[in-house]
Amino acid sequence: MLKGVLQGSVLAILGQRETYGYEIVQALHGYGFGSVSEGTIYPLLLRLEKEGWVSARFMDSDLGPRRKYYTLTDQGRRELAQFRASFREMTAAVERLPGFGEEEMTCGSPL
């Protein structure tokens, strides 16, 4: 069920602005995805591009070689909306589990 969380998170970042792979990794680290590396992100970005969810273009950089910038397509925006809805449903279900929500269930368990 957690499959796709990283993909959805990358789509969410790209939904904010056009950016490049290294910045996406840095943003993910800032949000607490500490173990995500560029070696994970670049194949994911390539797959998202092949799916038609992101488009890419090269731009010159003042700090080195040209960078490949990614942005969401209309299809990518639809996928992001679907991810958000599915993720909200999943987190709501997890919050209902004993020990996860604000109040633990002591009786009335569905089991």
N, C-alpha and C. Protein backbone atom coordinates (compact mmCIF):
# COMPACT_ATOMS: atom_id res chain seq x y z
N MET A 1 0.82 -1.19 0.00
CA MET A 1 0.00 0.00 0.00
C MET A 1 0.87 1.27 0.00
N LEU A 2 2.07 1.19 0.59
CA LEU A 2 2.94 2.35 0.63
C LEU A 2 3.64 2.60 -0.70
N LYS A 3 3.54 1.61 -1.58
CA LYS A 3 4.12 1.79 -2.91
C LYS A 3 3.45 3.00 -3.55
N GLY A 4 4.24 3.84 -4.10
CA GLY A 4 3.69 5.02 -4.74
C GLY A 4 3.76 6.28 -3.90
N VAL A 5 4.12 6.14 -2.61
CA VAL A 5 4.22 7.33 -1.76
C VAL A 5 5.33 8.24 -2.25
N LEU A 6 6.47 7.68 -2.59
CA LEU A 6 7.57 8.50 -3.10
C LEU A 6 7.17 9.15 -4.42
N GLN A 7 6.55 8.38 -5.28
CA GLN A 7 6.10 8.90 -6.57
C GLN A 7 5.13 10.06 -6.36
N GLY A 8 4.15 9.88 -5.48
CA GLY A 8 3.19 10.93 -5.19
C GLY A 8 3.84 12.15 -4.57
N SER A 9 4.85 11.92 -3.75
CA SER A 9 5.56 13.03 -3.11
C SER A 9 6.34 13.84 -4.14
N VAL A 10 6.95 13.16 -5.09
CA VAL A 10 7.66 13.86 -6.17
C VAL A 10 6.67 14.66 -7.01
N LEU A 11 5.52 14.07 -7.32
CA LEU A 11 4.50 14.81 -8.06
C LEU A 11 4.06 16.04 -7.29
N ALA A 12 3.92 15.92 -5.97
CA ALA A 12 3.51 17.06 -5.15
C ALA A 12 4.54 18.18 -5.20
N ILE A 13 5.81 17.83 -5.14
CA ILE A 13 6.87 18.84 -5.23
C ILE A 13 6.83 19.52 -6.59
N LEU A 14 6.68 18.72 -7.63
CA LEU A 14 6.63 19.29 -8.98
C LEU A 14 5.35 20.08 -9.21
N GLY A 15 4.32 19.79 -8.43
CA GLY A 15 3.09 20.57 -8.52
C GLY A 15 3.25 21.98 -8.01
N GLN A 16 4.30 22.22 -7.25
CA GLN A 16 4.57 23.56 -6.71
C GLN A 16 5.35 24.42 -7.70
N ARG A 17 6.32 23.80 -8.38
CA ARG A 17 7.14 24.57 -9.31
C ARG A 17 8.00 23.63 -10.15
N GLU A 18 8.49 24.16 -11.24
CA GLU A 18 9.44 23.44 -12.09
C GLU A 18 10.77 23.36 -11.34
N THR A 19 11.38 22.18 -11.35
CA THR A 19 12.65 22.02 -10.64
C THR A 19 13.43 20.85 -11.23
N TYR A 20 14.62 20.63 -10.73
CA TYR A 20 15.49 19.57 -11.24
C TYR A 20 15.72 18.51 -10.16
N GLY A 21 16.29 17.39 -10.57
CA GLY A 21 16.41 16.21 -9.70
C GLY A 21 17.05 16.46 -8.36
N TYR A 22 18.20 17.12 -8.35
CA TYR A 22 18.91 17.34 -7.08
C TYR A 22 18.06 18.17 -6.12
N GLU A 23 17.37 19.18 -6.64
CA GLU A 23 16.50 20.00 -5.78
C GLU A 23 15.34 19.17 -5.24
N ILE A 24 14.85 18.24 -6.02
CA ILE A 24 13.77 17.36 -5.55
C ILE A 24 14.27 16.52 -4.39
N VAL A 25 15.47 15.96 -4.52
CA VAL A 25 16.06 15.17 -3.43
C VAL A 25 16.21 16.03 -2.18
N GLN A 26 16.71 17.25 -2.34
CA GLN A 26 16.89 18.14 -1.19
C GLN A 26 15.55 18.48 -0.55
N ALA A 27 14.53 18.71 -1.36
CA ALA A 27 13.20 19.00 -0.82
C ALA A 27 12.67 17.80 -0.05
N LEU A 28 12.83 16.60 -0.60
CA LEU A 28 12.38 15.39 0.09
C LEU A 28 13.09 15.23 1.42
N HIS A 29 14.39 15.48 1.44
CA HIS A 29 15.14 15.41 2.71
C HIS A 29 14.55 16.40 3.70
N GLY A 30 14.22 17.60 3.24
CA GLY A 30 13.63 18.61 4.11
C GLY A 30 12.29 18.20 4.68
N TYR A 31 11.56 17.35 3.96
CA TYR A 31 10.27 16.86 4.42
C TYR A 31 10.39 15.57 5.23
N GLY A 32 11.62 15.11 5.46
CA GLY A 32 11.81 13.93 6.29
C GLY A 32 12.06 12.64 5.55
N PHE A 33 12.21 12.68 4.24
CA PHE A 33 12.53 11.49 3.45
C PHE A 33 14.05 11.36 3.39
N GLY A 34 14.67 11.11 4.52
CA GLY A 34 16.12 11.14 4.62
C GLY A 34 16.88 10.12 3.81
N SER A 35 16.28 8.98 3.53
CA SER A 35 17.02 7.92 2.85
C SER A 35 16.90 7.98 1.33
N VAL A 36 16.21 8.96 0.80
CA VAL A 36 16.03 9.06 -0.65
C VAL A 36 17.29 9.65 -1.28
N SER A 37 17.76 8.98 -2.34
CA SER A 37 18.98 9.43 -3.02
C SER A 37 18.67 9.81 -4.46
N GLU A 38 19.63 10.45 -5.09
CA GLU A 38 19.49 10.78 -6.51
C GLU A 38 19.36 9.51 -7.34
N GLY A 39 20.01 8.44 -6.91
CA GLY A 39 19.92 7.16 -7.62
C GLY A 39 18.53 6.58 -7.60
N THR A 40 17.70 7.01 -6.68
CA THR A 40 16.30 6.60 -6.63
C THR A 40 15.43 7.55 -7.44
N ILE A 41 15.72 8.84 -7.35
CA ILE A 41 14.87 9.86 -7.95
C ILE A 41 14.98 9.90 -9.47
N TYR A 42 16.19 9.81 -10.01
CA TYR A 42 16.33 9.96 -11.46
C TYR A 42 15.61 8.85 -12.25
N PRO A 43 15.69 7.59 -11.86
CA PRO A 43 14.89 6.58 -12.57
C PRO A 43 13.38 6.83 -12.43
N LEU A 44 12.96 7.31 -11.26
CA LEU A 44 11.55 7.63 -11.06
C LEU A 44 11.12 8.77 -11.99
N LEU A 45 11.94 9.81 -12.09
CA LEU A 45 11.62 10.92 -12.98
C LEU A 45 11.55 10.47 -14.43
N LEU A 46 12.44 9.59 -14.83
CA LEU A 46 12.42 9.05 -16.19
C LEU A 46 11.12 8.30 -16.45
N ARG A 47 10.71 7.49 -15.47
CA ARG A 47 9.45 6.74 -15.61
C ARG A 47 8.25 7.69 -15.69
N LEU A 48 8.25 8.72 -14.84
CA LEU A 48 7.15 9.70 -14.86
C LEU A 48 7.10 10.43 -16.19
N GLU A 49 8.26 10.69 -16.76
CA GLU A 49 8.32 11.34 -18.07
C GLU A 49 7.77 10.41 -19.15
N LYS A 50 8.14 9.13 -19.10
CA LYS A 50 7.64 8.16 -20.08
C LYS A 50 6.13 7.98 -19.96
N GLU A 51 5.61 8.07 -18.73
CA GLU A 51 4.16 7.95 -18.49
C GLU A 51 3.40 9.18 -18.98
N GLY A 52 4.13 10.26 -19.22
CA GLY A 52 3.49 11.49 -19.65
C GLY A 52 2.99 12.36 -18.50
N TRP A 53 3.45 12.05 -17.30
CA TRP A 53 3.00 12.80 -16.11
C TRP A 53 3.87 14.03 -15.86
N VAL A 54 5.10 14.02 -16.38
CA VAL A 54 5.97 15.19 -16.28
C VAL A 54 6.58 15.45 -17.65
N SER A 55 6.93 16.69 -17.88
CA SER A 55 7.71 17.03 -19.06
C SER A 55 9.05 17.57 -18.57
N ALA A 56 10.03 17.54 -19.45
CA ALA A 56 11.37 17.95 -19.04
C ALA A 56 11.99 18.82 -20.12
N ARG A 57 12.87 19.70 -19.67
CA ARG A 57 13.63 20.53 -20.60
C ARG A 57 14.96 20.86 -19.96
N PHE A 58 15.97 21.02 -20.80
CA PHE A 58 17.30 21.38 -20.30
C PHE A 58 17.42 22.90 -20.25
N MET A 59 18.05 23.36 -19.17
CA MET A 59 18.29 24.80 -19.01
C MET A 59 19.73 24.99 -18.56
N ASP A 60 20.32 26.09 -19.00
CA ASP A 60 21.68 26.42 -18.58
C ASP A 60 21.71 26.74 -17.09
N SER A 61 22.85 26.47 -16.49
CA SER A 61 23.06 26.76 -15.07
C SER A 61 24.29 27.63 -14.91
N ASP A 62 24.21 28.60 -14.03
CA ASP A 62 25.37 29.44 -13.72
C ASP A 62 26.41 28.68 -12.91
N LEU A 63 25.99 27.56 -12.32
CA LEU A 63 26.86 26.83 -11.39
C LEU A 63 27.44 25.55 -11.97
N GLY A 64 27.34 25.34 -13.26
CA GLY A 64 27.88 24.11 -13.83
C GLY A 64 27.16 23.72 -15.10
N PRO A 65 27.07 22.40 -15.34
CA PRO A 65 26.46 21.93 -16.59
C PRO A 65 24.96 22.23 -16.62
N ARG A 66 24.40 22.09 -17.81
CA ARG A 66 22.95 22.28 -17.98
C ARG A 66 22.20 21.32 -17.08
N ARG A 67 21.04 21.74 -16.65
CA ARG A 67 20.20 20.92 -15.78
C ARG A 67 18.90 20.57 -16.49
N LYS A 68 18.41 19.38 -16.16
CA LYS A 68 17.13 18.95 -16.71
C LYS A 68 16.04 19.31 -15.71
N TYR A 69 15.18 20.23 -16.09
CA TYR A 69 14.09 20.68 -15.24
C TYR A 69 12.81 19.93 -15.59
N TYR A 70 12.06 19.59 -14.55
CA TYR A 70 10.83 18.82 -14.71
C TYR A 70 9.65 19.66 -14.25
N THR A 71 8.52 19.46 -14.92
CA THR A 71 7.27 20.11 -14.53
C THR A 71 6.12 19.14 -14.77
N LEU A 72 5.04 19.32 -14.03
CA LEU A 72 3.87 18.45 -14.20
C LEU A 72 3.14 18.77 -15.49
N THR A 73 2.63 17.75 -16.13
CA THR A 73 1.72 17.91 -17.26
C THR A 73 0.29 17.89 -16.70
N ASP A 74 -0.68 18.11 -17.56
CA ASP A 74 -2.07 18.02 -17.12
C ASP A 74 -2.38 16.62 -16.59
N GLN A 75 -1.85 15.61 -17.27
CA GLN A 75 -2.05 14.24 -16.82
C GLN A 75 -1.39 14.03 -15.46
N GLY A 76 -0.23 14.62 -15.25
CA GLY A 76 0.45 14.53 -13.97
C GLY A 76 -0.34 15.19 -12.86
N ARG A 77 -1.01 16.30 -13.17
CA ARG A 77 -1.86 16.96 -12.17
C ARG A 77 -3.03 16.08 -11.78
N ARG A 78 -3.60 15.38 -12.76
CA ARG A 78 -4.69 14.45 -12.46
C ARG A 78 -4.19 13.30 -11.58
N GLU A 79 -3.01 12.77 -11.91
CA GLU A 79 -2.44 11.69 -11.09
C GLU A 79 -2.16 12.17 -9.67
N LEU A 80 -1.67 13.39 -9.53
CA LEU A 80 -1.41 13.95 -8.21
C LEU A 80 -2.71 14.07 -7.42
N ALA A 81 -3.77 14.54 -8.04
CA ALA A 81 -5.07 14.65 -7.36
C ALA A 81 -5.56 13.28 -6.91
N GLN A 82 -5.38 12.28 -7.76
CA GLN A 82 -5.79 10.91 -7.41
C GLN A 82 -4.94 10.38 -6.26
N PHE A 83 -3.63 10.64 -6.30
CA PHE A 83 -2.75 10.21 -5.21
C PHE A 83 -3.18 10.84 -3.89
N ARG A 84 -3.45 12.14 -3.91
CA ARG A 84 -3.86 12.83 -2.68
C ARG A 84 -5.12 12.22 -2.10
N ALA A 85 -6.10 11.95 -2.95
CA ALA A 85 -7.35 11.35 -2.47
C ALA A 85 -7.11 9.96 -1.89
N SER A 86 -6.35 9.14 -2.59
CA SER A 86 -6.05 7.78 -2.11
C SER A 86 -5.25 7.81 -0.82
N PHE A 87 -4.30 8.73 -0.74
CA PHE A 87 -3.46 8.81 0.46
C PHE A 87 -4.29 9.26 1.66
N ARG A 88 -5.19 10.21 1.45
CA ARG A 88 -6.07 10.64 2.55
C ARG A 88 -6.92 9.49 3.06
N GLU A 89 -7.47 8.70 2.13
CA GLU A 89 -8.27 7.53 2.52
C GLU A 89 -7.43 6.55 3.34
N MET A 90 -6.20 6.29 2.87
CA MET A 90 -5.34 5.34 3.56
C MET A 90 -4.97 5.85 4.94
N THR A 91 -4.59 7.12 5.06
CA THR A 91 -4.19 7.64 6.37
C THR A 91 -5.38 7.69 7.31
N ALA A 92 -6.57 7.96 6.80
CA ALA A 92 -7.77 7.94 7.65
C ALA A 92 -8.01 6.53 8.18
N ALA A 93 -7.82 5.53 7.34
CA ALA A 93 -8.00 4.14 7.78
C ALA A 93 -6.97 3.77 8.83
N VAL A 94 -5.72 4.17 8.64
CA VAL A 94 -4.66 3.87 9.61
C VAL A 94 -4.95 4.57 10.93
N GLU A 95 -5.45 5.79 10.89
CA GLU A 95 -5.77 6.53 12.11
C GLU A 95 -6.86 5.83 12.93
N ARG A 96 -7.68 5.03 12.28
CA ARG A 96 -8.73 4.29 13.00
C ARG A 96 -8.19 3.04 13.69
N LEU A 97 -6.98 2.62 13.36
CA LEU A 97 -6.40 1.43 13.97
C LEU A 97 -6.02 1.71 15.42
N PRO A 98 -6.13 0.70 16.29
CA PRO A 98 -5.72 0.90 17.69
C PRO A 98 -4.26 1.32 17.77
N GLY A 99 -4.00 2.34 18.57
CA GLY A 99 -2.64 2.80 18.79
C GLY A 99 -2.16 3.83 17.79
N PHE A 100 -2.96 4.15 16.78
CA PHE A 100 -2.53 5.11 15.76
C PHE A 100 -3.27 6.43 15.85
N GLY A 101 -4.53 6.40 16.22
CA GLY A 101 -5.32 7.61 16.27
C GLY A 101 -5.12 8.36 17.57
N GLU A 102 -5.86 9.45 17.71
CA GLU A 102 -5.75 10.25 18.92
C GLU A 102 -6.25 9.49 20.14
N GLU A 103 -7.29 8.70 19.95
CA GLU A 103 -7.83 7.90 21.05
C GLU A 103 -7.75 6.43 20.66
N GLU A 104 -7.12 5.64 21.52
CA GLU A 104 -7.05 4.21 21.24
C GLU A 104 -8.40 3.58 21.52
N MET A 105 -8.76 2.61 20.69
CA MET A 105 -10.01 1.90 20.90
C MET A 105 -9.82 0.92 22.05
N THR A 106 -10.70 0.97 23.02
CA THR A 106 -10.63 0.03 24.14
C THR A 106 -11.75 -0.98 24.07
N CYS A 107 -12.80 -0.65 23.38
CA CYS A 107 -13.89 -1.60 23.18
C CYS A 107 -14.53 -1.27 21.85
N GLY A 108 -15.39 -2.12 21.41
CA GLY A 108 -16.04 -1.89 20.14
C GLY A 108 -15.14 -2.17 18.95
N SER A 109 -14.09 -2.95 19.19
CA SER A 109 -13.18 -3.31 18.11
C SER A 109 -13.92 -4.12 17.07
N PRO A 110 -13.64 -3.90 15.79
CA PRO A 110 -14.30 -4.67 14.75
C PRO A 110 -13.91 -6.14 14.74
N LEU A 111 -12.93 -6.54 15.55
CA LEU A 111 -12.51 -7.94 15.57
C LEU A 111 -13.35 -8.76 16.48
